[in-house]
Every structure is written in C-alpha cells, then in structure tokens.
Amino acid sequence: MSNKFLRLVISILFHLIFSLILIYFSIEQVECHYSYNNRIYVVDSLEDSATKDFDSWLVHTNCLPDHLGLAQWQIDAYTNSGIPVYSPEKEHELYISQCNLQSIEWSILITRHPEMVTPGYSCYTRYSLGNPRNPYDTLTEFLGTYCI
C-alpha cells in the first residue's frame, strides 16, 4: 500500500512540474506578441517649456527576436511633421503599459522622469534605448516591471 501511495505522489509531482514548465514557456513573450505591428500614440512627458504642453507622437512598434532568440522591441518614432523624436541630447526611456491585453491597446510613454508616469494604469515594463540618436534603435536593456 505504501508503494502505491509513493508512486501516486511521485506521479502527481512529475505532472505538476511538467505543467509549470509548459505554462512558463507559453507566456514568456506574451507582451511582445500582443503589440506586434500595432500603431500607438506616445506622450512625451518632457513638456515644452514655451507652451507647457505635451507632444503626441505616432509610433510603430515591432517585436523581433535577437541573436539569443529573445524578443526585443524596435520602434519607428516620428512627430507629425516627420522629424525623428529622439535627439542626441536626450536619454529617453520607454514605458510599455500592460493594462489591456484583450483589445491590444498599449500605452507607451517616453520620459526621463519615472515619477511623471500617469497614474491609473496597472503595470509598466521599463526598457531603455541603447542609442537615442537612432530613431530605429532596438530597446536593448530590460529594466524591470513595476506597478503604480
């Protein structure tokens, strides 16, 4: 009787571990897949000193695998006049909101100041741009996820 019980416990543990591994690999890249080829409005939290206003930018995002097979973000960022929004003087950070996966609506904020991120959203995944001079730059550094 103890042998049957031991086999049952081992079998349950094996199936549980196997299921957890499958779940982990199935959700690993969900955020990137959901925003593939979406067009999103971006708000620059660095307000214009003259108008005290925020600029809205249209951004095209792509999710591509890097040399390790991991997902990375690539962006095309332009103002309405077609001028790249990134300048050599500014170090921008990108915040990708994970609020609404069902309708694939993503709120992306480019900002220097995390404290200026608009409250009321759930969690943000934070990335930094490796080369702010290049408007097509890959988001190279994953800085973590935080909630507000």
N, C-alpha and C. Protein backbone atom coordinates (compact mmCIF):
# COMPACT_ATOMS: atom_id res chain seq x y z
N MET A 1 0.82 -1.19 0.00
CA MET A 1 0.00 0.00 0.00
C MET A 1 0.87 1.27 0.00
N SER A 2 1.94 1.26 0.72
CA SER A 2 2.82 2.42 0.76
C SER A 2 3.52 2.63 -0.59
N ASN A 3 3.81 1.54 -1.31
CA ASN A 3 4.42 1.67 -2.64
C ASN A 3 3.47 2.36 -3.62
N LYS A 4 2.20 2.00 -3.56
CA LYS A 4 1.21 2.63 -4.44
C LYS A 4 1.07 4.11 -4.11
N PHE A 5 1.05 4.43 -2.85
CA PHE A 5 0.92 5.83 -2.42
C PHE A 5 2.14 6.64 -2.86
N LEU A 6 3.34 6.06 -2.70
CA LEU A 6 4.56 6.73 -3.11
C LEU A 6 4.59 6.97 -4.61
N ARG A 7 4.17 5.98 -5.39
CA ARG A 7 4.10 6.14 -6.84
C ARG A 7 3.11 7.22 -7.25
N LEU A 8 2.00 7.27 -6.55
CA LEU A 8 0.99 8.28 -6.83
C LEU A 8 1.53 9.69 -6.56
N VAL A 9 2.21 9.86 -5.44
CA VAL A 9 2.79 11.16 -5.08
C VAL A 9 3.84 11.57 -6.11
N ILE A 10 4.71 10.66 -6.49
CA ILE A 10 5.75 10.96 -7.48
C ILE A 10 5.12 11.32 -8.83
N SER A 11 4.09 10.60 -9.22
CA SER A 11 3.41 10.87 -10.48
C SER A 11 2.77 12.26 -10.47
N ILE A 12 2.13 12.61 -9.37
CA ILE A 12 1.49 13.93 -9.26
C ILE A 12 2.54 15.03 -9.31
N LEU A 13 3.64 14.86 -8.60
CA LEU A 13 4.71 15.86 -8.60
C LEU A 13 5.31 16.04 -10.00
N PHE A 14 5.53 14.93 -10.68
CA PHE A 14 6.08 14.99 -12.03
C PHE A 14 5.16 15.77 -12.97
N HIS A 15 3.86 15.47 -12.93
CA HIS A 15 2.91 16.16 -13.79
C HIS A 15 2.79 17.64 -13.44
N LEU A 16 2.88 17.94 -12.16
CA LEU A 16 2.81 19.33 -11.73
C LEU A 16 4.01 20.13 -12.23
N ILE A 17 5.20 19.59 -12.09
CA ILE A 17 6.41 20.26 -12.55
C ILE A 17 6.38 20.42 -14.07
N PHE A 18 5.98 19.39 -14.78
CA PHE A 18 5.90 19.44 -16.24
C PHE A 18 4.90 20.51 -16.69
N SER A 19 3.76 20.59 -16.01
CA SER A 19 2.74 21.60 -16.35
C SER A 19 3.25 23.01 -16.11
N LEU A 20 3.97 23.22 -15.01
CA LEU A 20 4.52 24.54 -14.71
C LEU A 20 5.54 24.97 -15.76
N ILE A 21 6.36 24.04 -16.22
CA ILE A 21 7.34 24.35 -17.26
C ILE A 21 6.64 24.74 -18.56
N LEU A 22 5.59 24.02 -18.92
CA LEU A 22 4.83 24.35 -20.13
C LEU A 22 4.18 25.72 -20.03
N ILE A 23 3.62 26.03 -18.87
CA ILE A 23 2.98 27.34 -18.67
C ILE A 23 4.01 28.45 -18.78
N TYR A 24 5.18 28.26 -18.19
CA TYR A 24 6.22 29.29 -18.23
C TYR A 24 6.62 29.62 -19.67
N PHE A 25 6.86 28.60 -20.49
CA PHE A 25 7.29 28.85 -21.86
C PHE A 25 6.17 29.38 -22.74
N SER A 26 4.92 29.10 -22.39
CA SER A 26 3.82 29.59 -23.21
C SER A 26 3.52 31.06 -22.98
N ILE A 27 3.87 31.63 -21.80
CA ILE A 27 3.56 33.04 -21.53
C ILE A 27 4.80 33.93 -21.55
N GLU A 28 5.95 33.40 -21.85
CA GLU A 28 7.20 34.14 -21.72
C GLU A 28 7.21 35.43 -22.55
N GLN A 29 6.73 35.39 -23.79
CA GLN A 29 6.84 36.54 -24.68
C GLN A 29 5.48 37.17 -24.98
N VAL A 30 4.49 37.02 -24.11
CA VAL A 30 3.14 37.46 -24.43
C VAL A 30 3.06 38.96 -24.69
N GLU A 31 3.79 39.78 -23.94
CA GLU A 31 3.68 41.22 -24.10
C GLU A 31 4.14 41.66 -25.48
N CYS A 32 5.20 41.05 -25.96
CA CYS A 32 5.72 41.42 -27.26
C CYS A 32 4.78 41.00 -28.38
N HIS A 33 4.26 39.79 -28.30
CA HIS A 33 3.38 39.29 -29.34
C HIS A 33 2.11 40.12 -29.45
N TYR A 34 1.61 40.59 -28.32
CA TYR A 34 0.36 41.33 -28.34
C TYR A 34 0.49 42.67 -29.04
N SER A 35 1.67 43.26 -29.05
CA SER A 35 1.79 44.58 -29.65
C SER A 35 2.45 44.53 -31.02
N TYR A 36 2.60 43.36 -31.58
CA TYR A 36 3.27 43.23 -32.87
C TYR A 36 2.55 44.06 -33.94
N ASN A 37 3.29 44.94 -34.58
CA ASN A 37 2.80 45.78 -35.67
C ASN A 37 1.63 46.67 -35.28
N ASN A 38 1.51 47.03 -34.02
CA ASN A 38 0.48 48.00 -33.63
C ASN A 38 0.99 49.41 -33.85
N ARG A 39 0.06 50.31 -34.12
CA ARG A 39 0.38 51.74 -34.14
C ARG A 39 -0.16 52.35 -32.87
N ILE A 40 0.69 53.08 -32.18
CA ILE A 40 0.35 53.55 -30.84
C ILE A 40 0.72 55.02 -30.71
N TYR A 41 -0.09 55.76 -29.96
CA TYR A 41 0.27 57.14 -29.65
C TYR A 41 1.18 57.18 -28.43
N VAL A 42 2.18 58.03 -28.52
CA VAL A 42 3.17 58.16 -27.46
C VAL A 42 3.12 59.58 -26.92
N VAL A 43 3.21 59.70 -25.61
CA VAL A 43 3.20 61.02 -24.99
C VAL A 43 4.57 61.27 -24.38
N ASP A 44 5.16 62.39 -24.75
CA ASP A 44 6.44 62.78 -24.17
C ASP A 44 6.18 63.55 -22.90
N SER A 45 6.67 63.06 -21.78
CA SER A 45 6.41 63.72 -20.50
C SER A 45 7.35 64.90 -20.27
N LEU A 46 8.28 65.12 -21.19
CA LEU A 46 9.11 66.33 -21.11
C LEU A 46 8.33 67.45 -21.79
N GLU A 47 7.62 68.24 -21.00
CA GLU A 47 6.74 69.24 -21.59
C GLU A 47 7.54 70.37 -22.25
N ASP A 48 6.94 70.94 -23.27
CA ASP A 48 7.55 72.07 -23.96
C ASP A 48 7.58 73.27 -23.02
N SER A 49 8.76 73.90 -22.87
CA SER A 49 8.90 74.98 -21.90
C SER A 49 8.09 76.22 -22.29
N ALA A 50 7.87 76.40 -23.59
CA ALA A 50 7.14 77.59 -24.03
C ALA A 50 5.63 77.41 -23.86
N THR A 51 5.12 76.25 -24.29
CA THR A 51 3.67 76.05 -24.29
C THR A 51 3.19 75.31 -23.04
N LYS A 52 4.12 74.74 -22.28
CA LYS A 52 3.75 73.90 -21.12
C LYS A 52 2.81 72.77 -21.54
N ASP A 53 3.03 72.26 -22.74
CA ASP A 53 2.14 71.25 -23.29
C ASP A 53 2.93 69.97 -23.59
N PHE A 54 2.22 68.87 -23.75
CA PHE A 54 2.85 67.60 -24.07
C PHE A 54 2.67 67.31 -25.56
N ASP A 55 3.69 66.78 -26.18
CA ASP A 55 3.62 66.41 -27.59
C ASP A 55 3.14 64.97 -27.73
N SER A 56 2.27 64.73 -28.71
CA SER A 56 1.83 63.36 -29.00
C SER A 56 2.56 62.87 -30.24
N TRP A 57 3.09 61.68 -30.17
CA TRP A 57 3.85 61.11 -31.28
C TRP A 57 3.22 59.80 -31.74
N LEU A 58 3.27 59.56 -33.01
CA LEU A 58 2.81 58.30 -33.56
C LEU A 58 4.00 57.35 -33.65
N VAL A 59 3.83 56.15 -33.11
CA VAL A 59 4.95 55.20 -33.03
C VAL A 59 4.54 53.87 -33.64
N HIS A 60 5.44 53.29 -34.38
CA HIS A 60 5.23 51.97 -34.96
C HIS A 60 6.17 51.00 -34.26
N THR A 61 5.63 49.99 -33.63
CA THR A 61 6.47 49.05 -32.89
C THR A 61 6.55 47.71 -33.61
N ASN A 62 7.67 47.06 -33.48
CA ASN A 62 7.85 45.71 -33.99
C ASN A 62 8.51 44.85 -32.93
N CYS A 63 8.14 43.60 -32.90
CA CYS A 63 8.74 42.65 -31.97
C CYS A 63 9.58 41.67 -32.78
N LEU A 64 10.87 41.67 -32.57
CA LEU A 64 11.76 40.82 -33.34
C LEU A 64 12.67 40.02 -32.41
N PRO A 65 13.04 38.80 -32.80
CA PRO A 65 13.98 38.04 -31.96
C PRO A 65 15.40 38.55 -32.13
N ASP A 66 16.14 38.56 -31.03
CA ASP A 66 17.55 38.94 -31.11
C ASP A 66 18.40 37.70 -31.37
N HIS A 67 19.73 37.83 -31.25
CA HIS A 67 20.62 36.72 -31.57
C HIS A 67 20.47 35.55 -30.60
N LEU A 68 19.87 35.78 -29.43
CA LEU A 68 19.64 34.69 -28.47
C LEU A 68 18.24 34.10 -28.61
N GLY A 69 17.45 34.64 -29.55
CA GLY A 69 16.09 34.16 -29.72
C GLY A 69 15.10 34.81 -28.78
N LEU A 70 15.54 35.83 -28.03
CA LEU A 70 14.65 36.53 -27.12
C LEU A 70 14.01 37.71 -27.84
N ALA A 71 12.82 38.08 -27.39
CA ALA A 71 12.11 39.17 -28.05
C ALA A 71 12.70 40.52 -27.67
N GLN A 72 12.83 41.38 -28.65
CA GLN A 72 13.26 42.76 -28.41
C GLN A 72 12.30 43.70 -29.13
N TRP A 73 12.20 44.90 -28.61
CA TRP A 73 11.35 45.90 -29.24
C TRP A 73 12.16 46.74 -30.22
N GLN A 74 11.54 47.04 -31.36
CA GLN A 74 12.11 48.02 -32.27
C GLN A 74 11.02 49.06 -32.53
N ILE A 75 11.41 50.31 -32.67
CA ILE A 75 10.40 51.35 -32.85
C ILE A 75 10.80 52.32 -33.94
N ASP A 76 9.79 52.84 -34.62
CA ASP A 76 9.94 53.99 -35.51
C ASP A 76 9.20 55.12 -34.82
N ALA A 77 9.88 56.16 -34.47
CA ALA A 77 9.24 57.24 -33.71
C ALA A 77 9.37 58.55 -34.47
N TYR A 78 8.26 59.13 -34.85
CA TYR A 78 8.25 60.39 -35.59
C TYR A 78 7.20 61.33 -35.01
N THR A 79 7.46 62.61 -35.12
CA THR A 79 6.42 63.59 -34.83
C THR A 79 5.51 63.66 -36.05
N ASN A 80 4.46 64.44 -35.94
CA ASN A 80 3.54 64.58 -37.07
C ASN A 80 4.21 65.21 -38.28
N SER A 81 5.27 65.97 -38.06
CA SER A 81 5.98 66.60 -39.18
C SER A 81 7.02 65.68 -39.80
N GLY A 82 7.17 64.47 -39.27
CA GLY A 82 8.11 63.52 -39.84
C GLY A 82 9.51 63.62 -39.29
N ILE A 83 9.72 64.45 -38.29
CA ILE A 83 11.05 64.59 -37.69
C ILE A 83 11.23 63.53 -36.61
N PRO A 84 12.34 62.80 -36.59
CA PRO A 84 12.55 61.81 -35.52
C PRO A 84 12.48 62.48 -34.15
N VAL A 85 11.83 61.80 -33.22
CA VAL A 85 11.61 62.41 -31.91
C VAL A 85 12.82 62.29 -31.00
N TYR A 86 13.74 61.40 -31.32
CA TYR A 86 14.89 61.23 -30.44
C TYR A 86 16.00 62.19 -30.85
N SER A 87 16.61 62.80 -29.89
CA SER A 87 17.71 63.71 -30.17
C SER A 87 18.94 63.27 -29.38
N PRO A 88 20.14 63.62 -29.84
CA PRO A 88 21.37 63.21 -29.14
C PRO A 88 21.44 63.73 -27.71
N GLU A 89 20.73 64.83 -27.44
CA GLU A 89 20.83 65.43 -26.11
C GLU A 89 19.97 64.73 -25.07
N LYS A 90 19.00 63.96 -25.53
CA LYS A 90 18.02 63.40 -24.59
C LYS A 90 18.21 61.90 -24.43
N GLU A 91 18.26 61.43 -23.20
CA GLU A 91 18.23 60.00 -22.92
C GLU A 91 16.78 59.64 -22.61
N HIS A 92 16.15 58.92 -23.52
CA HIS A 92 14.75 58.58 -23.33
C HIS A 92 14.62 57.18 -22.74
N GLU A 93 13.55 56.97 -22.03
CA GLU A 93 13.20 55.64 -21.56
C GLU A 93 11.79 55.34 -22.05
N LEU A 94 11.54 54.07 -22.33
CA LEU A 94 10.24 53.67 -22.87
C LEU A 94 9.49 52.86 -21.83
N TYR A 95 8.26 53.25 -21.58
CA TYR A 95 7.41 52.52 -20.64
C TYR A 95 6.26 51.89 -21.42
N ILE A 96 6.14 50.59 -21.33
CA ILE A 96 5.10 49.88 -22.07
C ILE A 96 4.05 49.41 -21.09
N SER A 97 2.85 49.96 -21.21
CA SER A 97 1.79 49.61 -20.28
C SER A 97 1.24 48.23 -20.61
N GLN A 98 0.93 47.46 -19.58
CA GLN A 98 0.35 46.14 -19.76
C GLN A 98 -1.12 46.14 -19.33
N CYS A 99 -1.81 47.25 -19.53
CA CYS A 99 -3.16 47.38 -18.99
C CYS A 99 -4.17 46.51 -19.70
N ASN A 100 -4.21 46.53 -21.02
CA ASN A 100 -5.34 45.98 -21.73
C ASN A 100 -4.87 45.03 -22.83
N LEU A 101 -4.59 43.80 -22.46
CA LEU A 101 -4.09 42.84 -23.43
C LEU A 101 -5.18 42.37 -24.38
N GLN A 102 -6.45 42.36 -23.92
CA GLN A 102 -7.52 41.80 -24.73
C GLN A 102 -7.76 42.61 -26.00
N SER A 103 -7.80 43.92 -25.89
CA SER A 103 -8.06 44.75 -27.06
C SER A 103 -6.76 45.22 -27.71
N ILE A 104 -5.63 44.74 -27.20
CA ILE A 104 -4.32 45.07 -27.75
C ILE A 104 -4.12 46.58 -27.78
N GLU A 105 -4.47 47.25 -26.70
CA GLU A 105 -4.22 48.68 -26.58
C GLU A 105 -3.03 48.87 -25.65
N TRP A 106 -2.01 49.52 -26.17
CA TRP A 106 -0.80 49.72 -25.39
C TRP A 106 -0.55 51.20 -25.21
N SER A 107 -0.25 51.59 -24.01
CA SER A 107 0.11 52.98 -23.74
C SER A 107 1.62 53.04 -23.54
N ILE A 108 2.31 53.74 -24.42
CA ILE A 108 3.76 53.83 -24.33
C ILE A 108 4.14 55.26 -23.98
N LEU A 109 4.97 55.41 -22.98
CA LEU A 109 5.42 56.73 -22.56
C LEU A 109 6.93 56.83 -22.72
N ILE A 110 7.38 57.89 -23.37
CA ILE A 110 8.81 58.16 -23.44
C ILE A 110 9.09 59.28 -22.45
N THR A 111 9.91 59.02 -21.47
CA THR A 111 10.10 60.00 -20.41
C THR A 111 11.46 59.88 -19.77
N ARG A 112 11.93 60.96 -19.19
CA ARG A 112 13.15 60.95 -18.39
C ARG A 112 12.82 60.74 -16.92
N HIS A 113 11.58 60.95 -16.56
CA HIS A 113 11.22 61.00 -15.15
C HIS A 113 10.14 59.97 -14.82
N PRO A 114 10.51 58.86 -14.17
CA PRO A 114 9.51 57.85 -13.81
C PRO A 114 8.39 58.41 -12.95
N GLU A 115 8.69 59.43 -12.14
CA GLU A 115 7.65 59.98 -11.26
C GLU A 115 6.57 60.72 -12.05
N MET A 116 6.83 61.00 -13.33
CA MET A 116 5.84 61.70 -14.14
C MET A 116 4.94 60.75 -14.91
N VAL A 117 5.12 59.45 -14.75
CA VAL A 117 4.26 58.49 -15.43
C VAL A 117 2.85 58.63 -14.89
N THR A 118 1.88 58.69 -15.80
CA THR A 118 0.49 58.92 -15.42
C THR A 118 -0.03 57.79 -14.55
N PRO A 119 -0.53 58.07 -13.35
CA PRO A 119 -1.11 57.02 -12.51
C PRO A 119 -2.45 56.56 -13.07
N GLY A 120 -2.93 55.43 -12.58
CA GLY A 120 -4.20 54.91 -13.03
C GLY A 120 -4.06 53.70 -13.94
N TYR A 121 -2.85 53.43 -14.40
CA TYR A 121 -2.60 52.22 -15.16
C TYR A 121 -2.13 51.13 -14.19
N SER A 122 -2.02 49.93 -14.68
CA SER A 122 -1.61 48.84 -13.78
C SER A 122 -0.09 48.74 -13.75
N CYS A 123 0.48 47.91 -14.60
CA CYS A 123 1.92 47.67 -14.56
C CYS A 123 2.61 48.19 -15.82
N TYR A 124 3.83 48.63 -15.65
CA TYR A 124 4.64 49.09 -16.77
C TYR A 124 5.90 48.25 -16.85
N THR A 125 6.25 47.88 -18.07
CA THR A 125 7.53 47.21 -18.31
C THR A 125 8.50 48.27 -18.81
N ARG A 126 9.62 48.39 -18.16
CA ARG A 126 10.52 49.50 -18.43
C ARG A 126 11.72 49.04 -19.25
N TYR A 127 11.98 49.73 -20.34
CA TYR A 127 13.13 49.46 -21.19
C TYR A 127 13.91 50.76 -21.38
N SER A 128 15.15 50.65 -21.76
CA SER A 128 15.90 51.85 -22.13
C SER A 128 16.42 51.69 -23.55
N LEU A 129 16.64 52.82 -24.20
CA LEU A 129 17.17 52.80 -25.56
C LEU A 129 18.68 52.76 -25.52
N GLY A 130 19.27 51.86 -26.30
CA GLY A 130 20.71 51.75 -26.33
C GLY A 130 21.38 52.94 -26.99
N ASN A 131 20.75 53.49 -28.02
CA ASN A 131 21.33 54.61 -28.75
C ASN A 131 20.23 55.62 -29.08
N PRO A 132 20.06 56.65 -28.27
CA PRO A 132 18.97 57.60 -28.51
C PRO A 132 19.12 58.43 -29.78
N ARG A 133 20.30 58.39 -30.41
CA ARG A 133 20.49 59.13 -31.66
C ARG A 133 19.76 58.46 -32.82
N ASN A 134 19.47 57.18 -32.69
CA ASN A 134 18.89 56.41 -33.78
C ASN A 134 17.40 56.18 -33.53
N PRO A 135 16.51 56.77 -34.34
CA PRO A 135 15.08 56.59 -34.09
C PRO A 135 14.60 55.16 -34.34
N TYR A 136 15.43 54.34 -34.99
CA TYR A 136 15.07 52.95 -35.22
C TYR A 136 15.76 52.01 -34.23
N ASP A 137 16.25 52.56 -33.16
CA ASP A 137 17.06 51.80 -32.22
C ASP A 137 16.28 50.66 -31.58
N THR A 138 16.98 49.56 -31.32
CA THR A 138 16.38 48.45 -30.59
C THR A 138 16.42 48.75 -29.09
N LEU A 139 15.36 48.39 -28.41
CA LEU A 139 15.33 48.56 -26.96
C LEU A 139 16.18 47.46 -26.36
N THR A 140 17.38 47.80 -25.95
CA THR A 140 18.37 46.78 -25.64
C THR A 140 18.37 46.34 -24.19
N GLU A 141 17.95 47.19 -23.28
CA GLU A 141 18.12 46.87 -21.86
C GLU A 141 16.77 46.78 -21.16
N PHE A 142 16.48 45.60 -20.64
CA PHE A 142 15.25 45.43 -19.86
C PHE A 142 15.51 45.86 -18.43
N LEU A 143 14.74 46.83 -17.95
CA LEU A 143 15.00 47.41 -16.63
C LEU A 143 14.02 46.94 -15.56
N GLY A 144 13.10 46.07 -15.91
CA GLY A 144 12.19 45.54 -14.90
C GLY A 144 10.77 46.02 -15.07
N THR A 145 9.89 45.48 -14.27
CA THR A 145 8.47 45.82 -14.30
C THR A 145 8.07 46.38 -12.94
N TYR A 146 7.28 47.43 -12.96
CA TYR A 146 6.80 47.97 -11.70
C TYR A 146 5.34 48.39 -11.85
N CYS A 147 4.64 48.50 -10.75
CA CYS A 147 3.22 48.83 -10.77
C CYS A 147 2.98 50.14 -10.03
N ILE A 148 1.98 50.88 -10.50
CA ILE A 148 1.61 52.12 -9.82
C ILE A 148 0.10 52.13 -9.59
